[in-house]
Protein backbone atom coordinates (compact mmCIF):
# COMPACT_ATOMS: atom_id res chain seq x y z
CA MET A 1 -65.33 5.12 -12.70
CA THR A 2 -64.66 3.43 -16.06
CA GLU A 3 -62.14 0.59 -16.66
CA LEU A 4 -59.76 2.97 -18.17
CA GLU A 5 -59.65 4.97 -14.86
CA ARG A 6 -58.71 2.20 -12.56
CA VAL A 7 -55.47 3.30 -10.91
CA PRO A 8 -53.33 1.96 -7.95
CA PRO A 9 -54.18 2.81 -4.47
CA GLY A 10 -53.13 6.36 -3.44
CA VAL A 11 -53.72 7.84 -6.90
CA ASP A 12 -56.25 10.51 -6.96
CA PRO A 13 -58.07 10.60 -10.31
CA SER A 14 -58.98 14.22 -9.62
CA VAL A 15 -55.38 15.41 -9.86
CA PRO A 16 -53.69 15.52 -13.31
CA SER A 17 -50.36 13.63 -13.73
CA SER A 18 -47.67 15.09 -16.38
CA ALA A 19 -46.80 11.64 -17.34
CA ARG A 20 -50.35 10.72 -18.29
CA VAL A 21 -51.16 14.10 -20.02
CA TYR A 22 -47.98 13.43 -22.06
CA ASP A 23 -49.32 9.88 -22.78
CA TYR A 24 -52.53 11.29 -24.11
CA LEU A 25 -50.67 13.85 -26.39
CA LEU A 26 -48.54 10.85 -27.65
CA GLY A 27 -51.72 8.86 -28.53
CA GLY A 28 -51.50 6.60 -25.50
CA LYS A 29 -54.51 5.29 -23.48
CA ASP A 30 -53.06 5.21 -20.06
CA ASN A 31 -54.58 8.38 -18.97
CA LEU A 32 -57.72 9.68 -17.02
CA THR A 33 -60.42 12.20 -17.63
CA ILE A 34 -58.59 14.73 -15.72
CA ASP A 35 -55.41 14.38 -17.85
CA ARG A 36 -57.31 14.57 -20.99
CA ALA A 37 -59.08 17.64 -19.85
CA VAL A 38 -55.64 19.43 -19.26
CA ALA A 39 -54.31 18.18 -22.56
CA GLU A 40 -57.30 19.36 -24.52
CA ARG A 41 -57.14 22.77 -22.91
CA LEU A 42 -53.75 23.15 -24.05
CA LEU A 43 -54.58 21.83 -27.58
CA SER A 44 -57.43 24.52 -27.74
CA VAL A 45 -54.51 27.19 -27.72
CA ALA A 46 -51.55 25.26 -29.19
CA PRO A 47 -53.12 22.65 -31.63
CA ASP A 48 -49.56 21.62 -32.67
CA SER A 49 -48.64 20.34 -29.06
CA ARG A 50 -49.30 16.73 -30.21
CA LEU A 51 -46.56 17.20 -32.74
CA THR A 52 -44.40 18.93 -30.16
CA ALA A 53 -44.78 16.06 -27.73
CA ARG A 54 -43.80 13.72 -30.67
CA ALA A 55 -40.83 15.75 -31.46
CA ASN A 56 -39.69 15.60 -28.01
CA ARG A 57 -39.95 11.72 -28.00
CA ASN A 58 -38.16 11.73 -31.19
CA PHE A 59 -35.50 13.86 -29.53
CA LEU A 60 -35.21 11.21 -26.72
CA ALA A 61 -34.63 8.48 -29.39
CA ARG A 62 -32.06 10.41 -31.24
CA ALA A 63 -30.10 11.38 -28.20
CA VAL A 64 -30.07 7.61 -26.85
CA ARG A 65 -28.93 6.35 -30.21
CA LEU A 66 -26.06 9.14 -30.21
CA MET A 67 -24.78 8.14 -26.55
CA ALA A 68 -24.73 4.44 -27.51
CA ARG A 69 -22.82 5.29 -30.63
CA ARG A 70 -20.49 7.26 -28.59
CA GLY A 71 -19.73 4.52 -26.14
CA VAL A 72 -22.50 4.72 -23.54
CA ARG A 73 -23.57 1.40 -22.35
CA GLN A 74 -25.59 2.14 -19.40
CA PHE A 75 -28.44 4.84 -18.76
CA ILE A 76 -30.46 6.29 -16.06
CA ASP A 77 -33.88 7.64 -17.44
CA LEU A 78 -35.14 10.19 -14.87
CA GLY A 79 -38.81 11.11 -14.94
CA THR A 80 -39.36 8.30 -17.45
CA GLY A 81 -43.23 8.57 -17.91
CA ILE A 82 -45.42 5.81 -18.99
CA PRO A 83 -43.49 3.27 -21.16
CA THR A 84 -43.81 4.11 -24.91
CA SER A 85 -42.01 2.02 -27.48
CA PRO A 86 -39.46 2.22 -28.51
CA ASN A 87 -38.27 2.66 -24.98
CA VAL A 88 -34.72 3.66 -23.80
CA HIS A 89 -33.70 0.11 -23.51
CA GLU A 90 -35.00 -0.81 -26.93
CA LEU A 91 -33.26 2.24 -28.57
CA ALA A 92 -29.92 1.51 -26.93
CA ARG A 93 -29.78 -2.07 -27.75
CA GLU A 94 -30.28 -1.33 -31.39
CA ILE A 95 -26.49 -0.54 -31.15
CA VAL A 96 -25.41 -2.11 -27.81
CA PRO A 97 -27.23 -5.27 -27.27
CA SER A 98 -26.10 -5.57 -23.77
CA ALA A 99 -27.21 -2.15 -22.63
CA SER A 100 -28.43 -1.64 -19.04
CA VAL A 101 -31.22 0.76 -18.12
CA VAL A 102 -32.75 2.05 -14.88
CA TYR A 103 -36.10 3.88 -15.37
CA VAL A 104 -37.01 6.36 -12.61
CA ASP A 105 -40.30 7.99 -11.97
CA TYR A 106 -42.31 8.92 -8.78
CA ASP A 107 -45.61 8.13 -10.35
CA PRO A 108 -46.99 4.58 -9.16
CA VAL A 109 -48.91 4.26 -12.34
CA VAL A 110 -45.72 4.44 -14.14
CA ARG A 111 -44.07 2.07 -12.04
CA LEU A 112 -46.85 -0.40 -12.49
CA HIS A 113 -46.86 -0.27 -16.37
CA ALA A 114 -42.97 -0.45 -16.12
CA GLU A 115 -42.98 -3.63 -13.92
CA VAL A 116 -45.10 -5.31 -16.34
CA LEU A 117 -43.04 -4.43 -19.33
CA LEU A 118 -39.80 -5.23 -17.68
CA ALA A 119 -40.58 -8.29 -15.61
CA HIS A 120 -38.26 -10.74 -17.51
CA ASP A 121 -35.16 -8.50 -18.20
CA LYS A 122 -32.26 -8.74 -15.54
CA ASN A 123 -30.39 -5.61 -17.21
CA VAL A 124 -33.26 -3.22 -16.97
CA ALA A 125 -34.97 -2.14 -13.75
CA SER A 126 -37.81 0.43 -12.86
CA ILE A 127 -37.82 2.32 -9.55
CA GLN A 128 -40.27 4.55 -7.82
CA ALA A 129 -38.32 7.45 -6.72
CA ASP A 130 -38.39 11.31 -6.62
CA VAL A 131 -35.67 12.95 -8.58
CA ARG A 132 -35.72 15.93 -6.12
CA ARG A 133 -34.11 13.50 -3.73
CA PRO A 134 -31.07 12.51 -6.01
CA ARG A 135 -29.23 10.69 -3.20
CA ALA A 136 -32.13 8.22 -2.73
CA VAL A 137 -31.99 7.42 -6.44
CA LEU A 138 -28.13 7.10 -6.61
CA ASP A 139 -28.25 4.83 -3.59
CA ASP A 140 -31.19 2.51 -4.71
CA PRO A 141 -30.12 -1.14 -4.89
CA GLU A 142 -31.27 -1.26 -8.36
CA VAL A 143 -29.25 1.47 -9.61
CA THR A 144 -26.09 0.17 -7.75
CA ARG A 145 -26.81 -3.22 -9.21
CA LEU A 146 -26.91 -1.97 -12.92
CA ILE A 147 -24.90 1.18 -13.09
CA ASP A 148 -21.17 1.43 -12.73
CA PHE A 149 -20.23 5.10 -12.15
CA SER A 150 -16.60 4.24 -13.02
CA GLN A 151 -17.69 4.07 -16.62
CA PRO A 152 -19.60 6.57 -18.94
CA ILE A 153 -23.33 6.69 -18.09
CA GLY A 154 -26.06 8.43 -20.17
CA VAL A 155 -28.54 10.50 -17.86
CA LEU A 156 -31.75 11.56 -19.39
CA MET A 157 -33.98 14.33 -18.13
CA ILE A 158 -36.45 14.48 -20.90
CA GLY A 159 -39.45 16.68 -20.22
CA LEU A 160 -38.57 16.67 -16.51
CA LEU A 161 -36.83 19.68 -15.26
CA HIS A 162 -39.84 22.11 -16.09
CA TYR A 163 -41.64 20.26 -13.28
CA ILE A 164 -39.07 21.25 -10.80
CA THR A 165 -39.49 24.55 -9.27
CA GLU A 166 -36.53 27.07 -8.58
CA ALA A 167 -37.16 26.50 -4.81
CA GLU A 168 -36.48 22.71 -5.55
CA ASP A 169 -33.03 23.59 -7.18
CA PRO A 170 -32.82 22.07 -10.65
CA ALA A 171 -29.27 22.91 -10.81
CA GLY A 172 -28.40 21.18 -7.49
CA ILE A 173 -30.35 18.09 -8.60
CA ILE A 174 -28.13 17.96 -11.72
CA ALA A 175 -24.93 18.54 -9.87
CA ALA A 176 -25.76 15.62 -7.60
CA PHE A 177 -26.02 13.34 -10.57
CA ARG A 178 -23.05 15.05 -12.31
CA GLU A 179 -20.56 14.57 -9.36
CA PRO A 180 -20.29 10.70 -9.67
CA MET A 181 -20.35 10.57 -13.44
CA ALA A 182 -17.11 9.39 -15.26
CA ALA A 183 -15.68 11.20 -17.98
CA GLY A 184 -17.46 10.69 -21.09
CA SER A 185 -20.76 10.49 -19.58
CA HIS A 186 -23.59 12.19 -21.28
CA LEU A 187 -26.56 14.27 -19.92
CA ALA A 188 -29.70 14.90 -22.28
CA ILE A 189 -32.18 17.53 -21.27
CA SER A 190 -35.36 18.66 -23.12
CA HIS A 191 -37.21 21.67 -21.37
CA GLY A 192 -40.49 23.68 -21.92
CA MET A 193 -39.49 27.26 -22.77
CA ALA A 194 -40.49 30.72 -21.51
CA GLU A 195 -40.17 31.63 -25.04
CA SER A 196 -43.37 29.69 -25.73
CA ALA A 197 -46.49 31.59 -27.14
CA PRO A 198 -47.98 33.57 -24.10
CA GLU A 199 -51.37 32.03 -24.81
CA ALA A 200 -50.20 28.66 -24.39
CA LEU A 201 -48.33 29.21 -21.38
CA ALA A 202 -51.30 30.92 -19.83
CA GLN A 203 -53.77 28.09 -20.62
CA LEU A 204 -51.29 25.38 -19.37
CA LYS A 205 -50.77 27.36 -16.39
CA ALA A 206 -54.37 27.63 -15.63
CA ALA A 207 -55.20 23.98 -16.49
CA THR A 208 -52.64 22.77 -14.14
CA ALA A 209 -53.08 25.15 -11.22
CA ASN A 210 -52.64 23.73 -7.82
CA SER A 211 -51.44 20.38 -9.09
CA PRO A 212 -48.12 18.62 -9.53
CA ALA A 213 -48.34 18.87 -13.19
CA GLN A 214 -47.83 22.68 -13.09
CA PRO A 215 -44.74 23.51 -15.05
CA THR A 216 -41.96 26.18 -14.55
CA PHE A 217 -40.88 27.09 -17.97
CA ARG A 218 -37.41 28.80 -18.17
CA SER A 219 -35.60 31.05 -20.64
CA HIS A 220 -33.15 29.64 -23.18
CA ASP A 221 -30.13 31.16 -21.07
CA ARG A 222 -31.50 29.59 -17.90
CA VAL A 223 -31.72 26.27 -19.52
CA LEU A 224 -28.46 26.53 -20.96
CA ALA A 225 -26.93 27.40 -17.53
CA LEU A 226 -28.16 23.97 -16.20
CA PHE A 227 -25.64 22.24 -18.38
CA ASP A 228 -22.81 23.65 -16.19
CA GLY A 229 -19.93 21.04 -16.01
CA PHE A 230 -20.93 19.71 -19.47
CA GLU A 231 -19.64 20.47 -22.95
CA LEU A 232 -22.63 20.59 -25.34
CA LEU A 233 -22.59 18.70 -28.59
CA GLU A 234 -23.65 20.08 -31.86
CA PRO A 235 -26.03 21.97 -32.52
CA GLY A 236 -26.33 22.91 -28.84
CA LEU A 237 -29.55 23.75 -27.23
CA VAL A 238 -32.19 24.11 -30.01
CA PRO A 239 -35.94 23.24 -30.47
CA VAL A 240 -36.19 19.46 -30.16
CA GLN A 241 -37.55 19.04 -33.89
CA ASP A 242 -34.50 20.78 -35.06
CA TRP A 243 -31.75 18.62 -33.05
CA ARG A 244 -29.80 16.30 -35.35
CA ASN A 245 -33.24 15.72 -37.23
CA SER A 246 -31.66 14.30 -40.57
CA GLU A 247 -32.64 10.94 -39.20
CA ASP A 248 -36.55 11.61 -38.72
CA PRO A 249 -37.32 15.18 -39.57
CA LEU A 250 -40.69 16.18 -38.21
CA LEU A 251 -42.23 19.38 -39.58
CA LEU A 252 -44.52 21.31 -37.62
CA PRO A 253 -47.04 22.89 -40.00
CA GLY A 254 -48.57 26.14 -39.55
CA HIS A 255 -45.94 27.84 -37.32
CA GLU A 256 -42.11 28.60 -37.88
CA THR A 257 -41.90 27.48 -34.20
CA PRO A 258 -44.65 25.46 -32.13
CA GLN A 259 -46.79 27.51 -29.78
CA LEU A 260 -45.43 25.40 -26.90
CA ARG A 261 -41.55 25.36 -27.50
CA ILE A 262 -39.38 22.71 -26.23
CA GLU A 263 -35.71 22.91 -26.40
CA GLY A 264 -33.11 19.97 -26.13
CA ALA A 265 -29.63 19.30 -25.88
CA VAL A 266 -26.91 16.80 -25.04
CA GLY A 267 -23.77 17.55 -23.18
CA VAL A 268 -20.70 15.34 -22.23
CA ARG A 269 -18.78 15.20 -19.06
CA PRO A 270 -15.05 16.08 -19.97
C-alpha cells in the first residue's frame, strides 16, 4: 500500500467511497486506487464529468452565499465530503463573519480531514454520523451546541440524496430535518438525474456495483417532489451549471447538457 492509501482503521481500501471519487474528480489527492478506477470508468463514457463535479461545487458556493445574504447565520452540511476550499464556513463568512457550521459525514476519512482543518474554530464542528438516521444528527451535542433551530438555518444536501435508496426514504429524511426548521430556513439539494446519458448511467452503475457508492438517480419530477414544504427560489430546479451562474459561469464544451446530469435548487421554509 502506498503512502497515499493509508487510511484510518475500519476503512476497506477495496471499496470505493463517493466522497473520495468526488475528491478525485475535483482534482484532489485524498483518494485511493479503487476510487480513481471508478472515476476513470465514468470519465471514459462521460469525459465532461470533471467539469460537472466542478459545476456542482460552484452550485454549493452560490447557494451558501445566497443563504447568507438572505439572513442565514448557521448551516448544517450533510454528506459534506472531503474538505475542499472554499468550504461552507469560508463561503458563509465572506458575508457573515460569525457564521456557525456543522459538517456531517459518515466516512471516517472525511472526519479525519475535517478535524485537522477545524481544530481551532469553536464555531465550526464536524461529526461522523449517518444522515439516514436524522434524529441522531439532530440530537448530536455539537449540533445542539452550534445550531439554534428557533432561528433560520441552511441545510445543504449537495450530491447526497442520490446515495439514498428509495427504501431508505429520502423524503422522510428531508421531513425529519424540515420539521424543526424555523420559517426563513433554506434547503439546498443537488442530485444526479435519471435524464443523464444512458451510457454514463450504465457505466457508473457497473463501476459501483455492490458498493456504498452506487447511486440512485431520480427523474426531475421525483427530485422536485423532495422539496415538499419549501418554496423554490428562482430559477427552480435546473442543471447546476445554470443555477444563478452569472457570478461564475462555467461552460461545459461539447454537449448542450453534460453526459452526467446534475440538477440543483434552493428552497425556503415559509
